[in-house]
Amino acid sequence: MTTVQVELPDVLAQSAQAAGLLTPQAMEAMLREQLKRQAGVALRAMWASAPPEELTPAIEQMIDEQVQAVRAQRRKQVAH
C-alpha cells in the first residue's frame, strides 16, 4: 500500500470529511472511477481520430485484446 498526503483548502477538506469522502475506501473508489473516465475519453479520442477506412477487423481485434489485457492487469492489482 502507498500512503498519499494531499493538501486541500480547509473548507473543502472539512466538507469532504463530513461527507465521508476522505476515507481510504471512498478515495479508492473515486480514483478508480476517474481512471475509468480518463480511459474512456482516451479511447473515444483514439476512435475519433482514426479514419474509418483504417479501422479493419484486425485492428478492432487488437484494440479489444489491449483492453482485455489492461482490465486483467487491473483485476490482478485489485486482488493484491
N, C-alpha and C. Protein backbone atom coordinates (compact mmCIF):
# COMPACT_ATOMS: atom_id res chain seq x y z
N MET A 1 0.83 -1.18 0.00
CA MET A 1 0.00 0.00 0.00
C MET A 1 0.88 1.24 0.00
N THR A 2 0.36 2.28 -0.61
CA THR A 2 1.05 3.56 -0.66
C THR A 2 0.26 4.58 0.16
N THR A 3 0.96 5.39 0.92
CA THR A 3 0.33 6.47 1.66
C THR A 3 0.49 7.74 0.86
N VAL A 4 -0.60 8.48 0.72
CA VAL A 4 -0.58 9.72 -0.05
C VAL A 4 -1.03 10.85 0.85
N GLN A 5 -0.30 11.95 0.82
CA GLN A 5 -0.67 13.14 1.59
C GLN A 5 -1.12 14.20 0.59
N VAL A 6 -2.29 14.78 0.84
CA VAL A 6 -2.87 15.77 -0.07
C VAL A 6 -3.17 17.04 0.70
N GLU A 7 -2.81 18.16 0.12
CA GLU A 7 -3.14 19.46 0.72
C GLU A 7 -4.40 19.99 0.05
N LEU A 8 -5.38 20.35 0.87
CA LEU A 8 -6.66 20.87 0.38
C LEU A 8 -7.00 22.14 1.14
N PRO A 9 -7.77 23.02 0.51
CA PRO A 9 -8.27 24.17 1.28
C PRO A 9 -9.09 23.66 2.47
N ASP A 10 -9.02 24.34 3.59
CA ASP A 10 -9.68 23.90 4.81
C ASP A 10 -11.17 23.62 4.61
N VAL A 11 -11.86 24.54 3.96
CA VAL A 11 -13.31 24.38 3.78
C VAL A 11 -13.61 23.12 2.96
N LEU A 12 -12.85 22.90 1.90
CA LEU A 12 -13.05 21.71 1.07
C LEU A 12 -12.77 20.45 1.88
N ALA A 13 -11.69 20.43 2.63
CA ALA A 13 -11.33 19.25 3.43
C ALA A 13 -12.42 18.97 4.47
N GLN A 14 -12.93 20.00 5.10
CA GLN A 14 -13.98 19.82 6.11
C GLN A 14 -15.26 19.28 5.48
N SER A 15 -15.62 19.82 4.34
CA SER A 15 -16.83 19.35 3.64
C SER A 15 -16.67 17.91 3.18
N ALA A 16 -15.50 17.60 2.63
CA ALA A 16 -15.24 16.24 2.17
C ALA A 16 -15.24 15.26 3.34
N GLN A 17 -14.65 15.66 4.45
CA GLN A 17 -14.62 14.81 5.64
C GLN A 17 -16.04 14.57 6.14
N ALA A 18 -16.84 15.62 6.21
CA ALA A 18 -18.22 15.50 6.68
C ALA A 18 -19.05 14.59 5.76
N ALA A 19 -18.73 14.59 4.47
CA ALA A 19 -19.45 13.75 3.51
C ALA A 19 -18.90 12.33 3.44
N GLY A 20 -17.85 12.05 4.21
CA GLY A 20 -17.28 10.71 4.22
C GLY A 20 -16.41 10.41 3.02
N LEU A 21 -15.92 11.44 2.36
CA LEU A 21 -15.14 11.24 1.13
C LEU A 21 -13.65 11.09 1.36
N LEU A 22 -13.18 11.24 2.58
CA LEU A 22 -11.74 11.14 2.83
C LEU A 22 -11.32 9.80 3.42
N THR A 23 -12.21 8.85 3.42
CA THR A 23 -11.85 7.51 3.89
C THR A 23 -11.03 6.82 2.80
N PRO A 24 -10.19 5.88 3.16
CA PRO A 24 -9.43 5.17 2.13
C PRO A 24 -10.33 4.51 1.08
N GLN A 25 -11.46 3.96 1.52
CA GLN A 25 -12.37 3.29 0.59
C GLN A 25 -12.99 4.29 -0.38
N ALA A 26 -13.42 5.44 0.13
CA ALA A 26 -14.03 6.45 -0.73
C ALA A 26 -13.00 7.02 -1.71
N MET A 27 -11.80 7.28 -1.22
CA MET A 27 -10.75 7.82 -2.10
C MET A 27 -10.41 6.81 -3.19
N GLU A 28 -10.30 5.54 -2.84
CA GLU A 28 -10.00 4.50 -3.83
C GLU A 28 -11.10 4.44 -4.88
N ALA A 29 -12.36 4.46 -4.44
CA ALA A 29 -13.48 4.40 -5.39
C ALA A 29 -13.47 5.60 -6.33
N MET A 30 -13.22 6.79 -5.79
CA MET A 30 -13.18 7.99 -6.63
C MET A 30 -12.04 7.94 -7.64
N LEU A 31 -10.87 7.49 -7.20
CA LEU A 31 -9.73 7.41 -8.10
C LEU A 31 -9.96 6.37 -9.20
N ARG A 32 -10.51 5.22 -8.83
CA ARG A 32 -10.81 4.20 -9.84
C ARG A 32 -11.81 4.71 -10.87
N GLU A 33 -12.84 5.41 -10.40
CA GLU A 33 -13.85 5.95 -11.30
C GLU A 33 -13.24 6.98 -12.25
N GLN A 34 -12.38 7.83 -11.73
CA GLN A 34 -11.73 8.83 -12.57
C GLN A 34 -10.81 8.17 -13.60
N LEU A 35 -10.10 7.13 -13.20
CA LEU A 35 -9.24 6.42 -14.15
C LEU A 35 -10.07 5.79 -15.27
N LYS A 36 -11.24 5.25 -14.94
CA LYS A 36 -12.13 4.69 -15.97
C LYS A 36 -12.58 5.78 -16.92
N ARG A 37 -12.96 6.94 -16.36
CA ARG A 37 -13.40 8.05 -17.21
C ARG A 37 -12.29 8.48 -18.17
N GLN A 38 -11.08 8.62 -17.63
CA GLN A 38 -9.96 9.04 -18.47
C GLN A 38 -9.66 8.02 -19.56
N ALA A 39 -9.75 6.74 -19.22
CA ALA A 39 -9.52 5.69 -20.22
C ALA A 39 -10.59 5.77 -21.31
N GLY A 40 -11.84 6.02 -20.90
CA GLY A 40 -12.93 6.16 -21.87
C GLY A 40 -12.72 7.36 -22.78
N VAL A 41 -12.30 8.47 -22.21
CA VAL A 41 -12.04 9.68 -23.00
C VAL A 41 -10.91 9.40 -24.00
N ALA A 42 -9.85 8.75 -23.53
CA ALA A 42 -8.72 8.44 -24.42
C ALA A 42 -9.15 7.50 -25.54
N LEU A 43 -9.96 6.51 -25.22
CA LEU A 43 -10.43 5.57 -26.24
C LEU A 43 -11.31 6.27 -27.26
N ARG A 44 -12.23 7.12 -26.78
CA ARG A 44 -13.09 7.86 -27.72
C ARG A 44 -12.26 8.78 -28.61
N ALA A 45 -11.25 9.42 -28.05
CA ALA A 45 -10.38 10.30 -28.84
C ALA A 45 -9.63 9.50 -29.90
N MET A 46 -9.17 8.31 -29.51
CA MET A 46 -8.47 7.46 -30.47
C MET A 46 -9.40 7.06 -31.61
N TRP A 47 -10.62 6.65 -31.25
CA TRP A 47 -11.58 6.26 -32.29
C TRP A 47 -11.93 7.45 -33.18
N ALA A 48 -12.09 8.62 -32.59
CA ALA A 48 -12.47 9.81 -33.36
C ALA A 48 -11.36 10.24 -34.31
N SER A 49 -10.11 10.03 -33.92
CA SER A 49 -9.00 10.48 -34.75
C SER A 49 -8.63 9.49 -35.85
N ALA A 50 -9.08 8.26 -35.71
CA ALA A 50 -8.73 7.24 -36.71
C ALA A 50 -9.68 7.33 -37.89
N PRO A 51 -9.14 7.37 -39.09
CA PRO A 51 -10.01 7.37 -40.27
C PRO A 51 -10.81 6.07 -40.31
N PRO A 52 -12.10 6.15 -40.61
CA PRO A 52 -12.96 4.96 -40.59
C PRO A 52 -12.44 3.82 -41.49
N GLU A 53 -11.87 4.15 -42.63
CA GLU A 53 -11.42 3.10 -43.54
C GLU A 53 -10.21 2.33 -43.00
N GLU A 54 -9.53 2.89 -42.01
CA GLU A 54 -8.37 2.20 -41.45
C GLU A 54 -8.73 1.29 -40.28
N LEU A 55 -9.97 1.33 -39.84
CA LEU A 55 -10.41 0.51 -38.71
C LEU A 55 -10.87 -0.84 -39.24
N THR A 56 -9.92 -1.68 -39.48
CA THR A 56 -10.20 -3.01 -40.00
C THR A 56 -10.57 -3.95 -38.86
N PRO A 57 -11.15 -5.08 -39.17
CA PRO A 57 -11.45 -6.07 -38.12
C PRO A 57 -10.19 -6.48 -37.35
N ALA A 58 -9.06 -6.55 -38.01
CA ALA A 58 -7.82 -6.91 -37.33
C ALA A 58 -7.42 -5.86 -36.30
N ILE A 59 -7.58 -4.59 -36.66
CA ILE A 59 -7.26 -3.51 -35.73
C ILE A 59 -8.25 -3.51 -34.57
N GLU A 60 -9.53 -3.74 -34.87
CA GLU A 60 -10.52 -3.81 -33.80
C GLU A 60 -10.19 -4.94 -32.83
N GLN A 61 -9.75 -6.09 -33.35
CA GLN A 61 -9.37 -7.22 -32.52
C GLN A 61 -8.17 -6.85 -31.65
N MET A 62 -7.21 -6.16 -32.22
CA MET A 62 -6.02 -5.75 -31.48
C MET A 62 -6.42 -4.80 -30.33
N ILE A 63 -7.33 -3.88 -30.60
CA ILE A 63 -7.81 -2.96 -29.56
C ILE A 63 -8.51 -3.75 -28.46
N ASP A 64 -9.37 -4.67 -28.85
CA ASP A 64 -10.07 -5.49 -27.87
C ASP A 64 -9.09 -6.25 -26.99
N GLU A 65 -8.05 -6.80 -27.59
CA GLU A 65 -7.05 -7.55 -26.83
C GLU A 65 -6.32 -6.64 -25.84
N GLN A 66 -6.00 -5.42 -26.27
CA GLN A 66 -5.33 -4.48 -25.38
C GLN A 66 -6.23 -4.10 -24.20
N VAL A 67 -7.50 -3.86 -24.49
CA VAL A 67 -8.44 -3.51 -23.43
C VAL A 67 -8.57 -4.67 -22.45
N GLN A 68 -8.67 -5.87 -22.95
CA GLN A 68 -8.76 -7.05 -22.08
C GLN A 68 -7.50 -7.20 -21.23
N ALA A 69 -6.35 -6.93 -21.80
CA ALA A 69 -5.09 -7.04 -21.07
C ALA A 69 -5.02 -6.02 -19.94
N VAL A 70 -5.45 -4.80 -20.22
CA VAL A 70 -5.45 -3.75 -19.19
C VAL A 70 -6.42 -4.12 -18.08
N ARG A 71 -7.59 -4.60 -18.45
CA ARG A 71 -8.58 -5.00 -17.44
C ARG A 71 -8.05 -6.14 -16.58
N ALA A 72 -7.40 -7.11 -17.20
CA ALA A 72 -6.84 -8.24 -16.45
C ALA A 72 -5.77 -7.76 -15.48
N GLN A 73 -4.95 -6.82 -15.93
CA GLN A 73 -3.89 -6.28 -15.07
C GLN A 73 -4.51 -5.55 -13.88
N ARG A 74 -5.56 -4.78 -14.12
CA ARG A 74 -6.21 -4.06 -13.02
C ARG A 74 -6.86 -5.01 -12.04
N ARG A 75 -7.49 -6.08 -12.56
CA ARG A 75 -8.08 -7.07 -11.66
C ARG A 75 -7.01 -7.72 -10.80
N LYS A 76 -5.85 -7.98 -11.39
CA LYS A 76 -4.74 -8.59 -10.66
C LYS A 76 -4.25 -7.64 -9.56
N GLN A 77 -4.18 -6.34 -9.86
CA GLN A 77 -3.72 -5.36 -8.88
C GLN A 77 -4.73 -5.24 -7.73
N VAL A 78 -6.00 -5.30 -8.05
CA VAL A 78 -7.04 -5.19 -7.03
C VAL A 78 -6.99 -6.41 -6.11
N ALA A 79 -6.67 -7.57 -6.65
CA ALA A 79 -6.62 -8.80 -5.87
C ALA A 79 -5.49 -8.78 -4.86
N HIS A 80 -4.49 -7.98 -5.09
CA HIS A 80 -3.34 -7.93 -4.18
C HIS A 80 -3.60 -6.92 -3.17
